[in-house]
Structure formats: C-alpha cells, structure tokens
Amino acid sequence: MTEIFGNAAAQSAFLAAMRGGALHHAWLLTGPQGVGKASFARLAAMRMLADGANPDATPAGFDVPQGDRTRSLIEAGSHPDYRVLARLPKDPEKPDQDLARSITIAQVRTLQPLFATTPSMSARRVVVIDAIDDLERGGANALLKNLEEPPAGTIFLLVSHAPGRLLPTIRSRCRLLRFEALGQDEVTKAIRVLRPEADDEEVAALVRASDGAPGRALRYAGLDIAGIDSALAEIARDGDRDNGRRLKLAKALGSKTSQPRYEAFLDRAQAFVADQARTRSGPALRTALDAHAAARDLAGAAVGLSLDAQATVFEMAGIVASLRQ
C-alpha cells in the first residue's frame, strides 16, 4: 500500500474521529487531483478494518504491519468487508487500456447484496469510491439512498476532485475532509520514495511539473519532462523564426510510439504559458493570456478530435513562440 505524504491536518482529524468513537458514516475527501486522497482512503480503510478485527494489534497512525490478516486480504483483493468502486476498463480483456467514462449504476448495485448481510470479520465494512465525481447520475441517486440510510457498520470514503459538481444531497450527508497541495519538500520526498531510480534532474523536473500533486508528477515520470520544458523555454525566449525548433519538436513527439510524451507536452505547454502569464503585466500579460486561451483550446481539440500529432505540436510550439518579447 502507498505511503501518505503531507496533509498532516487531514490525517490527524480522521485519526481523532477514530479514537474518539465519532466516526461519521460518510467522508468526502476533497482537494486537487494527485495529492494523495485515494491513497489515504485505501490506507484509512485498511486501518479501520484492521482495528475492527483486532483493535489491540495495530500501532499508532495508519500503519498496518506486514502479515496482518486484514492487510493480506486487502492486498489480495479478497477482503469480504472492503469494496472499491472505480472506473472499469472499456475492454475487460485489456485492463491496461482506456477506462470507461463513468462509474455505472450497475457497479453501485453490486453493493446491495453486501449491505444485505452483516460484516464478516468485525462490526465494520468500508466502501471506497474513487472518484465519486465519475459516478453517473443514476448511480449517484442509488448511492444517495445508502448515504441517507447507511447500512449498519458501513463507512463510505468518497474521493472527490470537484465536490461542487456533486449532488448537494450527497455533500450534505458527508463529513468533509480537505486535502491541500503539498509543499515542494513534501513533493520531492514523495517522488524520491515512489520513484527511487529517478536522478536529480528528473526529480527536479517532476517537482516543477507537479503543482503540489505527486500523483500528477508521477504521470510524467520517464517522459523526459526536463527536455520538454527546456524546449518550451528556448522557443519562448528566442522565438523560432525559421521554424526549425518547432519542426524538430513535432518530429520527436509526433510518432505513435511517442504518444505518452505527446500528451505530456500538451499538458506542459499549457502550464508553461499559464506560468508566463503570472509573471507579466501590461501588453505582455495580454499576449500571454491570449496564448493561454489558444493553447487550452488547441489541447482540448487535439484530444477530443484526435488531431494529427505532428501538426498539433508544431502549432502549439508556435503559440509558445508568440510569447517572445
């Protein structure tokens, strides 16, 4: 199971509720994507179930020792009192391919037989939904019935990156647990733990790209983000009057084998232009704001309309070149 980094206040609030016997039946874990909400939910679920099965066997905090029966069952995917709802692969035969757009009402309905029985290993069961933002409307309505009349002993941990989009009736049934973006030192620690093979240059580039979210940074791991950022900075600084830099970048990122780096480039180009806007004023700021709008629209069209990768990289680099002062 993944270690929790940062957000000590959220951890302390949840532990205090566990120790005080005031554990609300539904928790809404909110904050930026990639800061560790889902990891926290899974570790908190393990700890609650371990405590329920053997309250004297676990140390302080969220740690559950190796060899603990609860931990072994959860890691094997066979704990009878633990469920995780998340988007499923579109093709069950290809679990590493694209995921479905939503968590379906059918997935929510699979919980009902569980709720019709008592927990197996203690008086407690835990349901994690990652993320509830992905729950289709019918599924949200079905879940609401369980939140309004919670099955005995059931704790819901609902991960949300955009709580404002949820049904107000769902939000009102939950206790809010806020997670914040991590500081630079915390992100650096997380990356070094989770990607120990990364050298100093890659770690520094991933920290810059993280925006306080280690999960976001790790999506870029192994994609030479430092090289992409350097190319963007050079084009913005010097322009690209003869189109040479743009053509080179387009060729490097436009092949099918470069798809992960191409997608990372689209993200980093938007972030780069946004960062430029934060440091400018007057006409230069206006230029950066226009460039950011253009970069955002192009990136959205590139994904939604499956635009030609080489042409998209060339056009995006041209937007970055417009920043030259």
Protein backbone atom coordinates (compact mmCIF):
# COMPACT_ATOMS: atom_id res chain seq x y z
CA MET A 1 0.00 0.00 0.00
CA THR A 2 1.12 3.52 -0.75
CA GLU A 3 2.63 5.77 1.90
CA ILE A 4 0.78 9.00 2.75
CA PHE A 5 2.69 12.22 2.15
CA GLY A 6 1.75 15.61 3.59
CA ASN A 7 -1.70 16.73 4.72
CA ALA A 8 -0.99 16.06 8.37
CA ALA A 9 -4.09 18.03 9.41
CA ALA A 10 -6.42 15.77 7.44
CA GLN A 11 -4.72 12.67 8.83
CA SER A 12 -4.97 13.97 12.39
CA ALA A 13 -8.65 14.86 12.03
CA PHE A 14 -9.52 11.38 10.82
CA LEU A 15 -7.45 9.63 13.48
CA ALA A 16 -9.06 11.78 16.17
CA ALA A 17 -12.50 10.73 14.94
CA MET A 18 -11.43 7.07 15.01
CA ARG A 19 -10.02 7.33 18.53
CA GLY A 20 -12.98 9.33 19.82
CA GLY A 21 -15.61 6.95 18.56
CA ALA A 22 -17.20 9.75 16.48
CA LEU A 23 -16.55 8.16 13.11
CA HIS A 24 -19.11 9.58 10.71
CA HIS A 25 -20.62 7.05 8.28
CA ALA A 26 -19.60 9.02 5.15
CA TRP A 27 -16.49 11.10 4.46
CA LEU A 28 -15.93 13.32 1.44
CA LEU A 29 -12.21 13.60 0.70
CA THR A 30 -11.71 16.76 -1.36
CA GLY A 31 -8.74 18.56 -2.87
CA PRO A 32 -6.61 18.77 -6.02
CA GLN A 33 -6.16 15.61 -8.05
CA GLY A 34 -2.93 13.78 -7.31
CA VAL A 35 -2.33 14.95 -3.72
CA GLY A 36 -2.99 11.52 -2.19
CA LYS A 37 -6.72 11.39 -1.42
CA ALA A 38 -7.21 7.93 -2.90
CA SER A 39 -4.09 6.57 -1.22
CA PHE A 40 -5.33 7.96 2.08
CA ALA A 41 -8.76 6.38 1.55
CA ARG A 42 -7.26 2.95 0.98
CA LEU A 43 -4.90 3.16 3.94
CA ALA A 44 -7.64 4.53 6.21
CA ALA A 45 -9.93 1.70 5.11
CA MET A 46 -7.25 -0.87 5.91
CA ARG A 47 -6.65 0.64 9.32
CA MET A 48 -10.36 0.79 10.19
CA LEU A 49 -10.88 -2.83 9.18
CA ALA A 50 -7.74 -3.97 10.99
CA ASP A 51 -8.85 -2.17 14.15
CA GLY A 52 -12.30 -3.68 13.87
CA ALA A 53 -10.89 -7.19 13.59
CA ASN A 54 -8.19 -6.83 16.27
CA PRO A 55 -8.10 -3.39 17.97
CA ASP A 56 -5.03 -4.18 20.08
CA ALA A 57 -2.80 -5.39 17.25
CA THR A 58 -2.04 -2.22 15.28
CA PRO A 59 0.38 0.63 16.13
CA ALA A 60 -0.44 4.33 16.07
CA GLY A 61 -1.12 6.15 12.83
CA PHE A 62 -2.28 4.42 9.67
CA ASP A 63 0.33 1.72 9.53
CA VAL A 64 -0.89 -1.88 9.42
CA PRO A 65 2.03 -4.32 9.73
CA GLN A 66 3.02 -6.78 7.04
CA GLY A 67 1.50 -10.15 7.81
CA ASP A 68 -1.62 -8.70 9.42
CA ARG A 69 -4.57 -10.74 8.17
CA THR A 70 -6.60 -7.68 7.18
CA ARG A 71 -3.71 -6.28 5.18
CA SER A 72 -3.08 -9.60 3.46
CA LEU A 73 -6.73 -9.98 2.46
CA ILE A 74 -6.99 -6.42 1.13
CA GLU A 75 -3.77 -6.70 -0.85
CA ALA A 76 -5.05 -9.98 -2.32
CA GLY A 77 -8.35 -8.32 -3.25
CA SER A 78 -10.34 -10.79 -1.16
CA HIS A 79 -11.39 -8.95 2.00
CA PRO A 80 -15.13 -9.61 2.42
CA ASP A 81 -15.83 -6.27 4.08
CA TYR A 82 -13.97 -3.99 1.67
CA ARG A 83 -15.08 -2.66 -1.70
CA VAL A 84 -13.62 -0.12 -4.12
CA LEU A 85 -15.71 1.38 -6.91
CA ALA A 86 -13.73 2.98 -9.74
CA ARG A 87 -13.99 3.29 -13.50
CA LEU A 88 -13.54 -0.06 -15.19
CA PRO A 89 -11.61 -0.82 -18.40
CA LYS A 90 -13.71 -0.43 -21.54
CA ASP A 91 -12.48 -3.84 -22.64
CA PRO A 92 -12.18 -6.38 -19.77
CA GLU A 93 -9.71 -8.31 -21.92
CA LYS A 94 -7.39 -5.28 -21.98
CA PRO A 95 -7.24 -3.92 -18.41
CA ASP A 96 -4.31 -1.62 -19.25
CA GLN A 97 -6.23 0.19 -21.99
CA ASP A 98 -8.73 3.07 -21.78
CA LEU A 99 -11.16 3.27 -18.87
CA ALA A 100 -14.90 3.82 -19.11
CA ARG A 101 -16.07 7.41 -18.79
CA SER A 102 -18.01 6.79 -15.59
CA ILE A 103 -18.73 4.55 -12.64
CA THR A 104 -22.06 2.98 -13.54
CA ILE A 105 -25.26 2.40 -11.64
CA ALA A 106 -24.65 -1.33 -12.17
CA GLN A 107 -21.45 -1.06 -10.13
CA VAL A 108 -23.32 0.68 -7.30
CA ARG A 109 -25.97 -2.04 -7.37
CA THR A 110 -23.29 -4.70 -6.79
CA LEU A 111 -23.04 -3.28 -3.25
CA GLN A 112 -26.60 -4.16 -2.33
CA PRO A 113 -26.00 -7.89 -1.61
CA LEU A 114 -23.12 -6.81 0.62
CA PHE A 115 -25.35 -4.42 2.54
CA ALA A 116 -27.99 -7.14 3.00
CA THR A 117 -25.62 -9.07 5.28
CA THR A 118 -23.64 -8.21 8.38
CA PRO A 119 -19.88 -7.62 8.12
CA SER A 120 -17.88 -10.84 8.19
CA MET A 121 -14.70 -10.08 10.15
CA SER A 122 -15.83 -7.39 12.60
CA ALA A 123 -18.69 -4.96 13.10
CA ARG A 124 -17.38 -2.72 10.30
CA ARG A 125 -17.13 -2.61 6.50
CA VAL A 126 -15.67 0.11 4.23
CA VAL A 127 -16.62 1.25 0.74
CA VAL A 128 -14.21 3.49 -1.20
CA ILE A 129 -15.42 5.34 -4.31
CA ASP A 130 -12.57 6.76 -6.41
CA ALA A 131 -13.71 9.17 -7.61
CA ILE A 132 -17.32 9.96 -6.85
CA ASP A 133 -17.03 12.71 -9.48
CA ASP A 134 -17.06 9.86 -12.03
CA LEU A 135 -20.35 8.41 -10.81
CA GLU A 136 -23.13 8.62 -13.40
CA ARG A 137 -26.35 10.33 -12.32
CA GLY A 138 -28.32 7.12 -11.80
CA GLY A 139 -25.51 5.70 -9.71
CA ALA A 140 -25.38 8.88 -7.62
CA ASN A 141 -29.09 8.60 -6.88
CA ALA A 142 -28.72 4.93 -5.96
CA LEU A 143 -25.79 5.72 -3.66
CA LEU A 144 -27.73 8.55 -2.02
CA LYS A 145 -30.23 6.06 -0.63
CA ASN A 146 -27.38 4.25 1.14
CA LEU A 147 -25.98 7.52 2.50
CA GLU A 148 -29.40 8.56 3.80
CA GLU A 149 -30.00 5.18 5.44
CA PRO A 150 -26.48 3.79 5.94
CA PRO A 151 -26.19 0.03 6.41
CA ALA A 152 -25.06 -0.85 9.91
CA GLY A 153 -21.31 -0.62 10.42
CA THR A 154 -20.62 0.74 6.92
CA ILE A 155 -18.19 3.62 6.36
CA PHE A 156 -18.09 5.36 2.98
CA LEU A 157 -14.90 7.12 1.84
CA LEU A 158 -15.72 9.24 -1.21
CA VAL A 159 -12.84 10.75 -3.16
CA SER A 160 -13.69 13.99 -4.98
CA HIS A 161 -11.58 16.35 -7.08
CA ALA A 162 -14.56 18.64 -7.82
CA PRO A 163 -17.09 18.49 -4.96
CA GLY A 164 -19.05 21.41 -6.39
CA ARG A 165 -20.28 19.13 -9.16
CA LEU A 166 -21.80 16.59 -6.78
CA LEU A 167 -25.44 16.41 -5.80
CA PRO A 168 -25.95 18.76 -2.82
CA THR A 169 -27.80 15.95 -1.07
CA ILE A 170 -24.68 13.76 -1.28
CA ARG A 171 -22.42 16.51 0.05
CA SER A 172 -24.80 17.18 2.93
CA ARG A 173 -24.64 13.55 4.10
CA CYS A 174 -20.84 13.57 4.34
CA ARG A 175 -18.24 14.94 6.70
CA LEU A 176 -15.72 16.98 4.72
CA LEU A 177 -12.02 16.15 4.90
CA ARG A 178 -9.90 18.66 2.97
CA PHE A 179 -6.58 17.84 1.30
CA GLU A 180 -4.25 20.59 0.12
CA ALA A 181 -1.48 20.77 -2.47
CA LEU A 182 1.85 19.65 -0.99
CA GLY A 183 4.87 21.84 -0.43
CA GLN A 184 7.94 21.44 -2.61
CA ASP A 185 9.88 19.49 0.03
CA GLU A 186 6.96 17.09 0.54
CA VAL A 187 6.60 16.51 -3.20
CA THR A 188 10.35 15.91 -3.52
CA LYS A 189 10.22 13.35 -0.71
CA ALA A 190 7.24 11.60 -2.31
CA ILE A 191 8.91 11.38 -5.71
CA ARG A 192 12.17 10.05 -4.26
CA VAL A 193 10.25 7.36 -2.34
CA LEU A 194 7.90 6.40 -5.17
CA ARG A 195 10.49 6.66 -7.97
CA PRO A 196 13.85 5.87 -6.36
CA GLU A 197 15.53 5.33 -9.75
CA ALA A 198 14.98 8.96 -10.83
CA ASP A 199 18.11 11.10 -10.96
CA ASP A 200 18.30 14.62 -9.53
CA GLU A 201 17.47 16.30 -12.84
CA GLU A 202 14.33 14.22 -13.34
CA VAL A 203 13.24 14.72 -9.73
CA ALA A 204 13.62 18.50 -10.08
CA ALA A 205 11.63 18.49 -13.35
CA LEU A 206 8.88 16.34 -11.83
CA VAL A 207 8.62 18.62 -8.81
CA ARG A 208 8.23 21.64 -11.12
CA ALA A 209 5.54 19.82 -13.08
CA SER A 210 3.66 18.58 -10.03
CA ASP A 211 1.87 21.78 -9.00
CA GLY A 212 1.94 20.35 -5.47
CA ALA A 213 0.49 16.97 -6.52
CA PRO A 214 2.87 13.97 -6.50
CA GLY A 215 0.34 11.89 -8.42
CA ARG A 216 0.40 14.44 -11.23
CA ALA A 217 4.19 14.41 -11.29
CA LEU A 218 4.37 10.63 -11.48
CA ARG A 219 2.26 10.63 -14.64
CA TYR A 220 5.24 12.35 -16.27
CA ALA A 221 7.89 10.01 -14.89
CA GLY A 222 10.23 8.62 -17.53
CA LEU A 223 8.99 11.02 -20.23
CA ASP A 224 11.94 13.46 -20.16
CA ILE A 225 9.84 16.33 -18.85
CA ALA A 226 13.06 18.30 -18.33
CA GLY A 227 13.71 18.11 -22.08
CA ILE A 228 10.18 19.23 -22.95
CA ASP A 229 10.33 22.13 -20.50
CA SER A 230 13.73 23.19 -21.83
CA ALA A 231 12.47 23.17 -25.44
CA LEU A 232 9.45 25.26 -24.48
CA ALA A 233 11.63 27.77 -22.61
CA GLU A 234 14.02 28.12 -25.56
CA ILE A 235 11.19 28.72 -28.04
CA ALA A 236 9.56 31.30 -25.76
CA ARG A 237 12.88 33.06 -25.14
CA ASP A 238 14.28 33.15 -28.67
CA GLY A 239 11.26 32.63 -30.89
CA ASP A 240 11.53 30.30 -33.87
CA ARG A 241 11.80 32.46 -36.96
CA ASP A 242 12.89 29.65 -39.30
CA ASN A 243 10.51 27.03 -37.76
CA GLY A 244 13.46 24.73 -37.08
CA ARG A 245 12.80 24.14 -33.40
CA ARG A 246 9.12 23.56 -33.97
CA LEU A 247 9.77 21.05 -36.74
CA LYS A 248 12.30 19.18 -34.60
CA LEU A 249 9.87 19.01 -31.69
CA ALA A 250 7.00 17.92 -33.95
CA LYS A 251 9.06 15.06 -35.40
CA ALA A 252 10.20 13.95 -31.94
CA LEU A 253 6.69 13.89 -30.46
CA GLY A 254 4.52 13.06 -33.47
CA SER A 255 5.00 9.31 -33.83
CA LYS A 256 2.65 6.71 -32.35
CA THR A 257 5.41 5.44 -30.06
CA SER A 258 5.73 8.96 -28.61
CA GLN A 259 2.07 9.22 -27.57
CA PRO A 260 2.76 9.47 -23.81
CA ARG A 261 5.34 12.25 -24.37
CA TYR A 262 2.98 13.98 -26.81
CA GLU A 263 0.21 14.05 -24.20
CA ALA A 264 2.69 15.29 -21.59
CA PHE A 265 3.79 18.02 -24.00
CA LEU A 266 0.20 19.25 -24.38
CA ASP A 267 -0.13 19.48 -20.59
CA ARG A 268 3.24 21.14 -20.07
CA ALA A 269 2.72 23.67 -22.87
CA GLN A 270 -0.50 24.88 -21.25
CA ALA A 271 1.15 25.07 -17.84
CA PHE A 272 4.17 26.87 -19.28
CA VAL A 273 2.02 29.57 -20.89
CA ALA A 274 -0.01 29.95 -17.69
CA ASP A 275 3.20 30.43 -15.69
CA GLN A 276 4.31 33.11 -18.15
CA ALA A 277 1.05 34.99 -17.61
CA ARG A 278 1.62 35.05 -13.85
CA THR A 279 4.91 36.93 -14.24
CA ARG A 280 3.80 39.57 -16.77
CA SER A 281 1.91 42.83 -16.83
CA GLY A 282 0.59 45.29 -19.41
CA PRO A 283 0.69 44.30 -23.10
CA ALA A 284 2.91 41.29 -22.34
CA LEU A 285 0.27 39.94 -19.98
CA ARG A 286 -2.39 40.34 -22.66
CA THR A 287 -0.21 38.39 -25.08
CA ALA A 288 0.26 35.60 -22.53
CA LEU A 289 -3.47 35.43 -21.72
CA ASP A 290 -4.33 35.17 -25.42
CA ALA A 291 -1.67 32.48 -25.82
CA HIS A 292 -3.05 30.54 -22.86
CA ALA A 293 -6.57 30.59 -24.30
CA ALA A 294 -5.23 29.38 -27.65
CA ALA A 295 -3.13 26.64 -26.00
CA ARG A 296 -6.08 25.44 -23.94
CA ASP A 297 -8.39 25.31 -26.96
CA LEU A 298 -5.80 23.51 -29.09
CA ALA A 299 -5.07 20.91 -26.41
CA GLY A 300 -8.78 20.25 -25.95
CA ALA A 301 -9.32 19.84 -29.68
CA ALA A 302 -6.22 17.64 -30.02
CA VAL A 303 -7.64 15.11 -27.57
CA GLY A 304 -11.32 15.41 -28.47
CA LEU A 305 -10.87 15.42 -32.25
CA SER A 306 -7.74 13.25 -32.48
CA LEU A 307 -5.83 15.89 -34.42
CA ASP A 308 -2.61 14.99 -36.21
CA ALA A 309 0.09 14.90 -33.54
CA GLN A 310 2.92 16.48 -35.56
CA ALA A 311 0.73 19.33 -36.78
CA THR A 312 -0.59 19.90 -33.26
CA VAL A 313 2.91 20.04 -31.73
CA PHE A 314 4.02 22.46 -34.44
CA GLU A 315 1.01 24.72 -33.84
CA MET A 316 1.35 24.56 -30.04
CA ALA A 317 5.03 25.45 -30.25
CA GLY A 318 4.04 28.39 -32.44
CA ILE A 319 1.73 29.61 -29.69
CA VAL A 320 4.64 29.39 -27.25
CA ALA A 321 6.86 31.27 -29.72
CA SER A 322 4.36 34.15 -29.68
CA LEU A 323 5.41 34.81 -26.08
CA ARG A 324 8.81 36.12 -27.18
CA GLN A 325 9.16 39.75 -26.12
